[in-house]
Each structure stands twice: as C-alpha cells, then as structure tokens.
Amino acid sequence: MVIENIDIAKNLTEVQNVLFSNEHIAMIAEFKLSLNAYLSDLLYSPVRSLADVIAFNKAHPVEERLKDFGQPYFIEAEKTNGVGPVEKASIQHLNKLSADGLEKLMRMHQLDAIVTPNNNGRVFFAVSGMPAITVPAGYDSQGVPFGTCFGGLKGYEPRLIEMAYAYEQATKVRMMPGFKM
C-alpha cells in the first residue's frame, strides 16, 4: 500500500533548520573524537590526530588541494572539546525529534519505508540513525543521474535492500557511468 504525501511537519523548513543546526554540533564533535581514536590506533601514519591532519594539509597545500577544498570543517571540529553539555543537549534534541518524527510517523501508518526523491530524506534518516538506500531513478537532460531514496526504521536494512533491488530490477534505469569533457 502506498500512502502519498504524508505530512511530516507543519513547518518543514523550521524542522530542517533545527535538524541541521543540532546535527552539525553533534557531527563535528563526534567526527573529531572518532577520527582521533582511529588515527591514534594506526600502526603507521604520519598523522595521529585531527590537529596533525590540519598541520599536514597546511604543509602540503598543493597535494591536498587546500585552495580547492580548504579545511573549514576540520578546523571547526578541532576547536571542540569532545561531547560536552552543548553536544549532549544537541544529541538529546535529535533523539527526541527522531522519536516524535519519522519513527512515530512510520509506526502510526505501519510503513515499511518512506520513499523520497533523490536523497532528500537523508538528513531525517541519518540523524535518527535510520537506514536509507538511494538507487538510480533516471537522468536529467544533461545525463546527470538522480535517484530514489528508501528509508526505514532501525533493523529494516534487509527489507530496504529488497525494495531497492526490486525497484532497480523493475525500472532498469542504471547505465554505465561515462565521462564527457
């Protein structure tokens, strides 16, 4: 059964702004902690922390393409002190939004999945710790692919893979990638 246009929120823009701001606070703190833990555990590496990565990039600006990409998120993350009161509050807020949002919606309507164009639902799924998979849905007039995203509750990964695979087999949209100058 397909239920179209479910009302996720009265003011979707406001919800998205709250999600983005809280997600960003939590993400840069968890990124720093995770990266530092990973790098410190490597047997051999010229860098052992996010601070080392930033310094390495500054010492090798051409190779690391600093002019093209910079490292603003790295620098912002380095300024954090891990998960403190602000980050904990953001994580709690995200958990509440998740429980009162998509999870509640899916349970109320007994949904197996929420389907969105491209990966438009990715933030909602990601901050909720919910799985999502995006598969090819077509190509625009310039050959740029766009997709369909299937997202579900935690533990629904096998079902989402089945749905995504069935969709791919039914549509047969996927083409071999090409490169045009």
N, C-alpha and C. Protein backbone atom coordinates (compact mmCIF):
# COMPACT_ATOMS: atom_id res chain seq x y z
N MET A 1 0.85 -1.17 0.00
CA MET A 1 0.00 0.00 0.00
C MET A 1 0.89 1.23 0.00
N VAL A 2 0.57 2.18 -0.82
CA VAL A 2 1.32 3.42 -0.90
C VAL A 2 0.46 4.55 -0.33
N ILE A 3 1.04 5.28 0.59
CA ILE A 3 0.38 6.46 1.15
C ILE A 3 1.17 7.65 0.64
N GLU A 4 0.55 8.49 -0.15
CA GLU A 4 1.26 9.62 -0.76
C GLU A 4 1.19 10.87 0.10
N ASN A 5 2.24 11.65 0.01
CA ASN A 5 2.30 12.98 0.63
C ASN A 5 1.92 13.01 2.10
N ILE A 6 2.58 12.19 2.88
CA ILE A 6 2.35 12.20 4.33
C ILE A 6 2.89 13.51 4.89
N ASP A 7 2.13 14.16 5.74
CA ASP A 7 2.53 15.42 6.36
C ASP A 7 3.54 15.14 7.46
N ILE A 8 4.81 15.39 7.16
CA ILE A 8 5.87 15.13 8.13
C ILE A 8 5.89 16.20 9.21
N ALA A 9 5.67 17.43 8.82
CA ALA A 9 5.69 18.53 9.79
C ALA A 9 4.89 19.69 9.24
N LYS A 10 4.35 20.47 10.13
CA LYS A 10 3.59 21.66 9.72
C LYS A 10 4.52 22.67 9.06
N ASN A 11 5.71 22.82 9.59
CA ASN A 11 6.67 23.77 9.03
C ASN A 11 7.99 23.02 8.79
N LEU A 12 8.08 22.41 7.62
CA LEU A 12 9.23 21.57 7.29
C LEU A 12 10.54 22.35 7.32
N THR A 13 10.54 23.59 6.88
CA THR A 13 11.76 24.41 6.88
C THR A 13 12.27 24.61 8.30
N GLU A 14 11.38 24.86 9.23
CA GLU A 14 11.78 25.05 10.63
C GLU A 14 12.38 23.77 11.20
N VAL A 15 11.75 22.64 10.90
CA VAL A 15 12.27 21.35 11.37
C VAL A 15 13.65 21.09 10.77
N GLN A 16 13.80 21.35 9.47
CA GLN A 16 15.09 21.14 8.82
C GLN A 16 16.17 22.02 9.44
N ASN A 17 15.86 23.27 9.73
CA ASN A 17 16.84 24.17 10.36
C ASN A 17 17.27 23.65 11.72
N VAL A 18 16.32 23.18 12.52
CA VAL A 18 16.65 22.62 13.84
C VAL A 18 17.51 21.38 13.68
N LEU A 19 17.13 20.52 12.74
CA LEU A 19 17.92 19.31 12.50
C LEU A 19 19.34 19.65 12.08
N PHE A 20 19.47 20.53 11.09
CA PHE A 20 20.81 20.87 10.58
C PHE A 20 21.70 21.46 11.67
N SER A 21 21.16 22.39 12.46
CA SER A 21 22.00 23.03 13.47
C SER A 21 22.42 22.04 14.55
N ASN A 22 21.49 21.21 15.01
CA ASN A 22 21.83 20.22 16.04
C ASN A 22 22.72 19.11 15.48
N GLU A 23 22.45 18.71 14.25
CA GLU A 23 23.27 17.67 13.62
C GLU A 23 24.71 18.16 13.48
N HIS A 24 24.86 19.40 13.07
CA HIS A 24 26.20 19.95 12.86
C HIS A 24 26.99 20.00 14.16
N ILE A 25 26.35 20.44 15.23
CA ILE A 25 27.02 20.50 16.54
C ILE A 25 27.50 19.11 16.95
N ALA A 26 26.61 18.13 16.83
CA ALA A 26 26.96 16.76 17.23
C ALA A 26 27.99 16.16 16.28
N MET A 27 27.83 16.42 14.99
CA MET A 27 28.70 15.81 13.99
C MET A 27 30.16 16.23 14.13
N ILE A 28 30.42 17.50 14.31
CA ILE A 28 31.82 17.92 14.35
C ILE A 28 32.54 17.43 15.60
N ALA A 29 31.75 17.27 16.74
CA ALA A 29 32.37 16.76 17.97
C ALA A 29 32.65 15.29 17.84
N GLU A 30 31.54 14.47 17.27
CA GLU A 30 31.74 13.03 17.14
C GLU A 30 32.82 12.71 16.13
N PHE A 31 32.94 13.68 14.97
CA PHE A 31 33.95 13.48 13.93
C PHE A 31 35.34 13.55 14.55
N LYS A 32 35.58 14.60 15.37
CA LYS A 32 36.89 14.76 16.00
C LYS A 32 37.23 13.56 16.87
N LEU A 33 36.31 13.16 17.72
CA LEU A 33 36.57 12.02 18.62
C LEU A 33 36.84 10.74 17.84
N SER A 34 36.02 10.49 16.83
CA SER A 34 36.17 9.26 16.05
C SER A 34 37.46 9.26 15.25
N LEU A 35 37.77 10.39 14.61
CA LEU A 35 38.99 10.45 13.81
C LEU A 35 40.22 10.31 14.69
N ASN A 36 40.25 11.01 15.82
CA ASN A 36 41.39 10.88 16.73
C ASN A 36 41.57 9.45 17.22
N ALA A 37 40.47 8.79 17.54
CA ALA A 37 40.56 7.39 18.00
C ALA A 37 41.10 6.50 16.89
N TYR A 38 40.60 6.70 15.69
CA TYR A 38 41.05 5.90 14.55
C TYR A 38 42.53 6.13 14.26
N LEU A 39 42.92 7.39 14.14
CA LEU A 39 44.32 7.70 13.80
C LEU A 39 45.29 7.26 14.88
N SER A 40 44.92 7.39 16.13
CA SER A 40 45.84 7.01 17.21
C SER A 40 46.07 5.51 17.27
N ASP A 41 45.17 4.75 16.65
CA ASP A 41 45.27 3.29 16.70
C ASP A 41 46.00 2.69 15.49
N LEU A 42 46.37 3.52 14.52
CA LEU A 42 47.05 3.01 13.34
C LEU A 42 48.49 2.60 13.68
N LEU A 43 48.95 1.55 13.02
CA LEU A 43 50.32 1.11 13.25
C LEU A 43 51.32 2.11 12.70
N TYR A 44 51.08 2.60 11.50
CA TYR A 44 51.97 3.60 10.94
C TYR A 44 51.14 4.68 10.26
N SER A 45 51.40 5.89 10.60
CA SER A 45 50.73 7.03 9.97
C SER A 45 51.51 8.29 10.30
N PRO A 46 51.66 9.19 9.33
CA PRO A 46 52.34 10.45 9.62
C PRO A 46 51.48 11.39 10.48
N VAL A 47 50.20 11.05 10.61
CA VAL A 47 49.29 11.86 11.44
C VAL A 47 48.63 10.97 12.48
N ARG A 48 48.45 11.52 13.68
CA ARG A 48 47.86 10.76 14.80
C ARG A 48 46.62 11.42 15.40
N SER A 49 46.25 12.61 14.84
CA SER A 49 45.11 13.34 15.38
C SER A 49 44.59 14.29 14.32
N LEU A 50 43.42 14.86 14.57
CA LEU A 50 42.87 15.85 13.67
C LEU A 50 43.81 17.06 13.57
N ALA A 51 44.41 17.47 14.67
CA ALA A 51 45.37 18.58 14.64
C ALA A 51 46.53 18.25 13.71
N ASP A 52 46.99 17.00 13.73
CA ASP A 52 48.06 16.57 12.82
C ASP A 52 47.62 16.63 11.36
N VAL A 53 46.38 16.24 11.10
CA VAL A 53 45.84 16.28 9.73
C VAL A 53 45.82 17.72 9.22
N ILE A 54 45.35 18.63 10.05
CA ILE A 54 45.31 20.05 9.68
C ILE A 54 46.71 20.57 9.38
N ALA A 55 47.66 20.24 10.24
CA ALA A 55 49.05 20.67 10.04
C ALA A 55 49.63 20.04 8.77
N PHE A 56 49.35 18.77 8.55
CA PHE A 56 49.84 18.07 7.35
C PHE A 56 49.29 18.75 6.10
N ASN A 57 48.00 19.04 6.10
CA ASN A 57 47.39 19.70 4.95
C ASN A 57 48.02 21.07 4.69
N LYS A 58 48.28 21.81 5.77
CA LYS A 58 48.91 23.13 5.62
C LYS A 58 50.33 23.00 5.06
N ALA A 59 51.03 21.95 5.44
CA ALA A 59 52.40 21.72 4.96
C ALA A 59 52.43 21.21 3.51
N HIS A 60 51.30 20.69 3.03
CA HIS A 60 51.21 20.13 1.68
C HIS A 60 49.98 20.69 0.96
N PRO A 61 49.89 22.01 0.82
CA PRO A 61 48.67 22.62 0.28
C PRO A 61 48.35 22.25 -1.16
N VAL A 62 49.37 22.04 -1.98
CA VAL A 62 49.13 21.69 -3.39
C VAL A 62 48.59 20.26 -3.48
N GLU A 63 49.31 19.32 -2.85
CA GLU A 63 48.91 17.92 -2.90
C GLU A 63 47.52 17.69 -2.29
N GLU A 64 47.22 18.41 -1.24
CA GLU A 64 45.94 18.25 -0.54
C GLU A 64 44.85 19.18 -1.07
N ARG A 65 45.19 19.97 -2.10
CA ARG A 65 44.25 20.85 -2.80
C ARG A 65 43.50 21.78 -1.85
N LEU A 66 44.26 22.39 -0.94
CA LEU A 66 43.65 23.31 0.02
C LEU A 66 42.97 24.49 -0.66
N LYS A 67 43.52 24.93 -1.78
CA LYS A 67 42.92 26.06 -2.50
C LYS A 67 41.51 25.70 -2.98
N ASP A 68 41.33 24.45 -3.38
CA ASP A 68 40.02 23.99 -3.88
C ASP A 68 39.04 23.68 -2.76
N PHE A 69 39.52 23.01 -1.72
CA PHE A 69 38.62 22.49 -0.71
C PHE A 69 38.73 23.15 0.67
N GLY A 70 39.89 23.71 0.97
CA GLY A 70 40.10 24.26 2.31
C GLY A 70 39.95 23.17 3.35
N GLN A 71 39.77 23.56 4.59
CA GLN A 71 39.52 22.59 5.65
C GLN A 71 38.71 23.22 6.79
N PRO A 72 37.65 23.96 6.43
CA PRO A 72 36.89 24.65 7.47
C PRO A 72 36.25 23.71 8.48
N TYR A 73 35.74 22.57 8.03
CA TYR A 73 35.11 21.63 8.97
C TYR A 73 36.15 21.02 9.90
N PHE A 74 37.34 20.74 9.36
CA PHE A 74 38.41 20.21 10.20
C PHE A 74 38.77 21.20 11.29
N ILE A 75 38.93 22.46 10.90
CA ILE A 75 39.32 23.50 11.86
C ILE A 75 38.21 23.71 12.90
N GLU A 76 36.97 23.72 12.44
CA GLU A 76 35.85 23.88 13.37
C GLU A 76 35.78 22.70 14.34
N ALA A 77 35.97 21.49 13.84
CA ALA A 77 35.93 20.30 14.69
C ALA A 77 37.08 20.30 15.69
N GLU A 78 38.24 20.76 15.27
CA GLU A 78 39.41 20.79 16.15
C GLU A 78 39.18 21.71 17.34
N LYS A 79 38.35 22.73 17.16
CA LYS A 79 38.07 23.67 18.25
C LYS A 79 37.16 23.08 19.33
N THR A 80 36.53 21.95 19.05
CA THR A 80 35.62 21.35 20.04
C THR A 80 36.43 20.57 21.07
N ASN A 81 35.80 20.33 22.20
CA ASN A 81 36.44 19.56 23.27
C ASN A 81 35.74 18.22 23.49
N GLY A 82 35.21 17.67 22.42
CA GLY A 82 34.50 16.40 22.55
C GLY A 82 33.03 16.62 22.85
N VAL A 83 32.43 15.67 23.51
CA VAL A 83 31.00 15.74 23.80
C VAL A 83 30.79 16.32 25.19
N GLY A 84 30.48 17.60 25.22
CA GLY A 84 30.19 18.30 26.47
C GLY A 84 28.71 18.58 26.59
N PRO A 85 28.32 19.49 27.46
CA PRO A 85 26.90 19.79 27.69
C PRO A 85 26.15 20.25 26.43
N VAL A 86 26.79 21.07 25.59
CA VAL A 86 26.13 21.57 24.38
C VAL A 86 25.87 20.42 23.40
N GLU A 87 26.89 19.59 23.22
CA GLU A 87 26.76 18.46 22.30
C GLU A 87 25.75 17.45 22.82
N LYS A 88 25.78 17.17 24.13
CA LYS A 88 24.81 16.24 24.71
C LYS A 88 23.38 16.74 24.53
N ALA A 89 23.18 18.05 24.72
CA ALA A 89 21.85 18.64 24.53
C ALA A 89 21.40 18.50 23.07
N SER A 90 22.33 18.71 22.14
CA SER A 90 22.00 18.56 20.72
C SER A 90 21.63 17.11 20.39
N ILE A 91 22.38 16.17 20.91
CA ILE A 91 22.09 14.76 20.67
C ILE A 91 20.74 14.38 21.25
N GLN A 92 20.44 14.84 22.46
CA GLN A 92 19.13 14.56 23.07
C GLN A 92 18.01 15.17 22.24
N HIS A 93 18.23 16.37 21.74
CA HIS A 93 17.22 17.04 20.92
C HIS A 93 16.99 16.26 19.63
N LEU A 94 18.06 15.78 19.01
CA LEU A 94 17.93 14.99 17.80
C LEU A 94 17.19 13.68 18.07
N ASN A 95 17.49 13.04 19.18
CA ASN A 95 16.80 11.79 19.54
C ASN A 95 15.31 12.02 19.74
N LYS A 96 14.97 13.14 20.39
CA LYS A 96 13.56 13.47 20.61
C LYS A 96 12.85 13.74 19.28
N LEU A 97 13.51 14.52 18.41
CA LEU A 97 12.92 14.79 17.10
C LEU A 97 12.70 13.51 16.31
N SER A 98 13.65 12.59 16.42
CA SER A 98 13.53 11.32 15.73
C SER A 98 12.36 10.51 16.25
N ALA A 99 12.29 10.36 17.57
CA ALA A 99 11.22 9.56 18.19
C ALA A 99 9.85 10.17 17.93
N ASP A 100 9.76 11.50 17.95
CA ASP A 100 8.48 12.19 17.75
C ASP A 100 8.19 12.46 16.27
N GLY A 101 9.16 12.17 15.42
CA GLY A 101 9.03 12.48 13.99
C GLY A 101 8.85 11.24 13.14
N LEU A 102 9.92 10.89 12.41
CA LEU A 102 9.83 9.78 11.46
C LEU A 102 9.45 8.46 12.11
N GLU A 103 10.05 8.15 13.24
CA GLU A 103 9.73 6.86 13.87
C GLU A 103 8.25 6.78 14.22
N LYS A 104 7.72 7.83 14.82
CA LYS A 104 6.31 7.88 15.19
C LYS A 104 5.42 7.78 13.95
N LEU A 105 5.79 8.53 12.92
CA LEU A 105 5.04 8.54 11.67
C LEU A 105 4.99 7.14 11.04
N MET A 106 6.14 6.48 11.00
CA MET A 106 6.20 5.15 10.38
C MET A 106 5.40 4.13 11.18
N ARG A 107 5.49 4.20 12.48
CA ARG A 107 4.74 3.24 13.31
C ARG A 107 3.23 3.52 13.23
N MET A 108 2.85 4.79 13.24
CA MET A 108 1.44 5.16 13.20
C MET A 108 0.77 4.67 11.92
N HIS A 109 1.48 4.79 10.79
CA HIS A 109 0.94 4.39 9.50
C HIS A 109 1.36 2.98 9.09
N GLN A 110 2.09 2.30 9.96
CA GLN A 110 2.59 0.93 9.71
C GLN A 110 3.34 0.86 8.37
N LEU A 111 4.29 1.78 8.19
CA LEU A 111 5.04 1.86 6.95
C LEU A 111 6.27 0.96 6.98
N ASP A 112 6.55 0.32 5.85
CA ASP A 112 7.80 -0.43 5.69
C ASP A 112 8.93 0.50 5.30
N ALA A 113 8.58 1.58 4.58
CA ALA A 113 9.61 2.51 4.10
C ALA A 113 8.98 3.86 3.81
N ILE A 114 9.84 4.87 3.81
CA ILE A 114 9.48 6.19 3.31
C ILE A 114 10.35 6.39 2.07
N VAL A 115 9.72 6.80 0.98
CA VAL A 115 10.43 6.97 -0.29
C VAL A 115 10.46 8.46 -0.61
N THR A 116 11.67 8.95 -0.90
CA THR A 116 11.83 10.37 -1.24
C THR A 116 12.61 10.50 -2.54
N PRO A 117 12.41 11.60 -3.26
CA PRO A 117 13.21 11.83 -4.46
C PRO A 117 14.66 12.10 -4.07
N ASN A 118 15.55 11.67 -4.95
CA ASN A 118 16.99 11.82 -4.71
C ASN A 118 17.31 11.34 -3.30
N ASN A 119 18.09 12.10 -2.56
CA ASN A 119 18.38 11.73 -1.17
C ASN A 119 17.84 12.83 -0.26
N ASN A 120 16.68 13.39 -0.62
CA ASN A 120 16.11 14.50 0.14
C ASN A 120 15.80 14.14 1.59
N GLY A 121 15.56 12.88 1.89
CA GLY A 121 15.26 12.48 3.25
C GLY A 121 16.48 12.09 4.06
N ARG A 122 17.66 12.19 3.47
CA ARG A 122 18.87 11.67 4.12
C ARG A 122 19.12 12.24 5.50
N VAL A 123 18.89 13.54 5.68
CA VAL A 123 19.16 14.16 6.98
C VAL A 123 18.21 13.60 8.03
N PHE A 124 16.95 13.46 7.66
CA PHE A 124 15.98 12.92 8.61
C PHE A 124 16.34 11.50 9.02
N PHE A 125 16.74 10.69 8.03
CA PHE A 125 17.13 9.31 8.33
C PHE A 125 18.44 9.27 9.12
N ALA A 126 19.41 10.03 8.69
CA ALA A 126 20.74 9.99 9.31
C ALA A 126 20.72 10.41 10.77
N VAL A 127 20.06 11.51 11.09
CA VAL A 127 20.08 11.97 12.47
C VAL A 127 19.27 11.06 13.38
N SER A 128 18.40 10.25 12.77
CA SER A 128 17.62 9.30 13.55
C SER A 128 18.32 7.95 13.66
N GLY A 129 19.44 7.80 12.98
CA GLY A 129 20.14 6.53 12.98
C GLY A 129 19.37 5.47 12.20
N MET A 130 18.54 5.94 11.28
CA MET A 130 17.72 5.04 10.47
C MET A 130 18.41 4.74 9.15
N PRO A 131 18.30 3.51 8.67
CA PRO A 131 18.95 3.16 7.41
C PRO A 131 18.23 3.76 6.21
N ALA A 132 18.98 4.03 5.16
CA ALA A 132 18.41 4.53 3.90
C ALA A 132 19.32 4.09 2.76
N ILE A 133 18.72 3.88 1.62
CA ILE A 133 19.49 3.50 0.43
C ILE A 133 18.92 4.26 -0.76
N THR A 134 19.81 4.81 -1.58
CA THR A 134 19.39 5.56 -2.77
C THR A 134 19.81 4.78 -4.01
N VAL A 135 18.86 4.62 -4.93
CA VAL A 135 19.12 3.89 -6.17
C VAL A 135 18.80 4.79 -7.36
N PRO A 136 19.37 4.48 -8.53
CA PRO A 136 19.12 5.32 -9.71
C PRO A 136 17.63 5.35 -10.07
N ALA A 137 17.15 6.55 -10.44
CA ALA A 137 15.75 6.70 -10.85
C ALA A 137 15.65 7.29 -12.26
N GLY A 138 16.73 7.86 -12.74
CA GLY A 138 16.71 8.44 -14.07
C GLY A 138 17.87 9.39 -14.26
N TYR A 139 17.82 10.12 -15.38
CA TYR A 139 18.89 11.04 -15.74
C TYR A 139 18.27 12.32 -16.26
N ASP A 140 18.87 13.45 -15.92
CA ASP A 140 18.34 14.71 -16.42
C ASP A 140 18.78 14.92 -17.87
N SER A 141 18.43 16.04 -18.44
CA SER A 141 18.71 16.30 -19.86
C SER A 141 20.20 16.34 -20.18
N GLN A 142 21.04 16.53 -19.16
CA GLN A 142 22.48 16.55 -19.37
C GLN A 142 23.15 15.24 -18.98
N GLY A 143 22.35 14.24 -18.66
CA GLY A 143 22.89 12.92 -18.32
C GLY A 143 23.30 12.75 -16.88
N VAL A 144 22.97 13.73 -16.03
CA VAL A 144 23.30 13.65 -14.61
C VAL A 144 22.25 12.77 -13.92
N PRO A 145 22.70 11.75 -13.19
CA PRO A 145 21.73 10.85 -12.57
C PRO A 145 21.01 11.48 -11.37
N PHE A 146 19.79 11.04 -11.15
CA PHE A 146 19.06 11.35 -9.93
C PHE A 146 18.49 10.05 -9.41
N GLY A 147 18.13 10.03 -8.14
CA GLY A 147 17.75 8.77 -7.53
C GLY A 147 16.45 8.80 -6.77
N THR A 148 16.13 7.65 -6.23
CA THR A 148 15.01 7.46 -5.33
C THR A 148 15.58 6.88 -4.04
N CYS A 149 15.22 7.46 -2.91
CA CYS A 149 15.74 7.03 -1.62
C CYS A 149 14.67 6.27 -0.85
N PHE A 150 15.04 5.09 -0.35
CA PHE A 150 14.17 4.28 0.51
C PHE A 150 14.75 4.33 1.92
N GLY A 151 13.98 4.74 2.89
CA GLY A 151 14.44 4.80 4.27
C GLY A 151 13.46 4.08 5.18
N GLY A 152 13.98 3.49 6.25
CA GLY A 152 13.13 2.74 7.17
C GLY A 152 13.61 2.80 8.60
N LEU A 153 12.92 2.08 9.44
CA LEU A 153 13.26 2.03 10.86
C LEU A 153 14.54 1.23 11.08
N LYS A 154 15.15 1.41 12.23
CA LYS A 154 16.34 0.65 12.59
C LYS A 154 15.99 -0.84 12.52
N GLY A 155 16.88 -1.62 11.91
CA GLY A 155 16.66 -3.05 11.76
C GLY A 155 15.97 -3.42 10.45
N TYR A 156 15.56 -2.42 9.66
CA TYR A 156 14.86 -2.67 8.40
C TYR A 156 15.82 -2.81 7.21
N GLU A 157 17.12 -2.83 7.46
CA GLU A 157 18.08 -2.86 6.36
C GLU A 157 17.80 -3.96 5.34
N PRO A 158 17.58 -5.23 5.77
CA PRO A 158 17.32 -6.27 4.77
C PRO A 158 16.09 -5.97 3.90
N ARG A 159 15.04 -5.46 4.51
CA ARG A 159 13.82 -5.13 3.75
C ARG A 159 14.07 -3.98 2.78
N LEU A 160 14.83 -2.97 3.21
CA LEU A 160 15.13 -1.84 2.32
C LEU A 160 15.98 -2.29 1.13
N ILE A 161 16.92 -3.17 1.37
CA ILE A 161 17.74 -3.70 0.26
C ILE A 161 16.87 -4.46 -0.72
N GLU A 162 15.93 -5.26 -0.21
CA GLU A 162 15.00 -5.99 -1.08
C GLU A 162 14.18 -5.01 -1.93
N MET A 163 13.65 -3.96 -1.30
CA MET A 163 12.84 -2.98 -2.02
C MET A 163 13.67 -2.25 -3.07
N ALA A 164 14.87 -1.82 -2.69
CA ALA A 164 15.73 -1.09 -3.61
C ALA A 164 16.12 -1.97 -4.80
N TYR A 165 16.42 -3.22 -4.52
CA TYR A 165 16.79 -4.16 -5.59
C TYR A 165 15.60 -4.39 -6.52
N ALA A 166 14.41 -4.60 -5.95
CA ALA A 166 13.21 -4.82 -6.76
C ALA A 166 12.93 -3.59 -7.63
N TYR A 167 13.11 -2.40 -7.05
CA TYR A 167 12.90 -1.16 -7.80
C TYR A 167 13.89 -1.07 -8.96
N GLU A 168 15.16 -1.37 -8.69
CA GLU A 168 16.17 -1.33 -9.75
C GLU A 168 15.85 -2.32 -10.86
N GLN A 169 15.42 -3.52 -10.48
CA GLN A 169 15.11 -4.55 -11.48
C GLN A 169 13.87 -4.17 -12.29
N ALA A 170 12.91 -3.53 -11.66
CA ALA A 170 11.69 -3.13 -12.36
C ALA A 170 11.92 -1.95 -13.30
N THR A 171 12.78 -1.02 -12.90
CA THR A 171 12.98 0.19 -13.70
C THR A 171 14.10 0.04 -14.72
N LYS A 172 15.11 -0.74 -14.42
CA LYS A 172 16.27 -0.93 -15.31
C LYS A 172 16.84 0.40 -15.80
N VAL A 173 16.93 1.37 -14.88
CA VAL A 173 17.39 2.72 -15.22
C VAL A 173 18.91 2.84 -15.24
N ARG A 174 19.59 2.05 -14.43
CA ARG A 174 21.04 2.19 -14.28
C ARG A 174 21.76 2.05 -15.62
N MET A 175 22.68 2.99 -15.87
CA MET A 175 23.54 2.94 -17.06
C MET A 175 25.00 2.94 -16.58
N MET A 176 25.86 2.43 -17.44
CA MET A 176 27.29 2.51 -17.13
C MET A 176 27.69 3.97 -17.08
N PRO A 177 28.49 4.35 -16.06
CA PRO A 177 28.92 5.75 -15.99
C PRO A 177 29.83 6.09 -17.15
N GLY A 178 29.72 7.31 -17.59
CA GLY A 178 30.58 7.79 -18.66
C GLY A 178 31.19 9.12 -18.25
N PHE A 179 32.21 9.52 -18.94
CA PHE A 179 32.84 10.79 -18.63
C PHE A 179 32.90 11.61 -19.90
N LYS A 180 32.31 12.79 -19.84
CA LYS A 180 32.34 13.68 -21.00
C LYS A 180 33.09 14.94 -20.64
N MET A 181 33.96 15.36 -21.50
CA MET A 181 34.71 16.59 -21.29
C MET A 181 33.84 17.77 -21.65
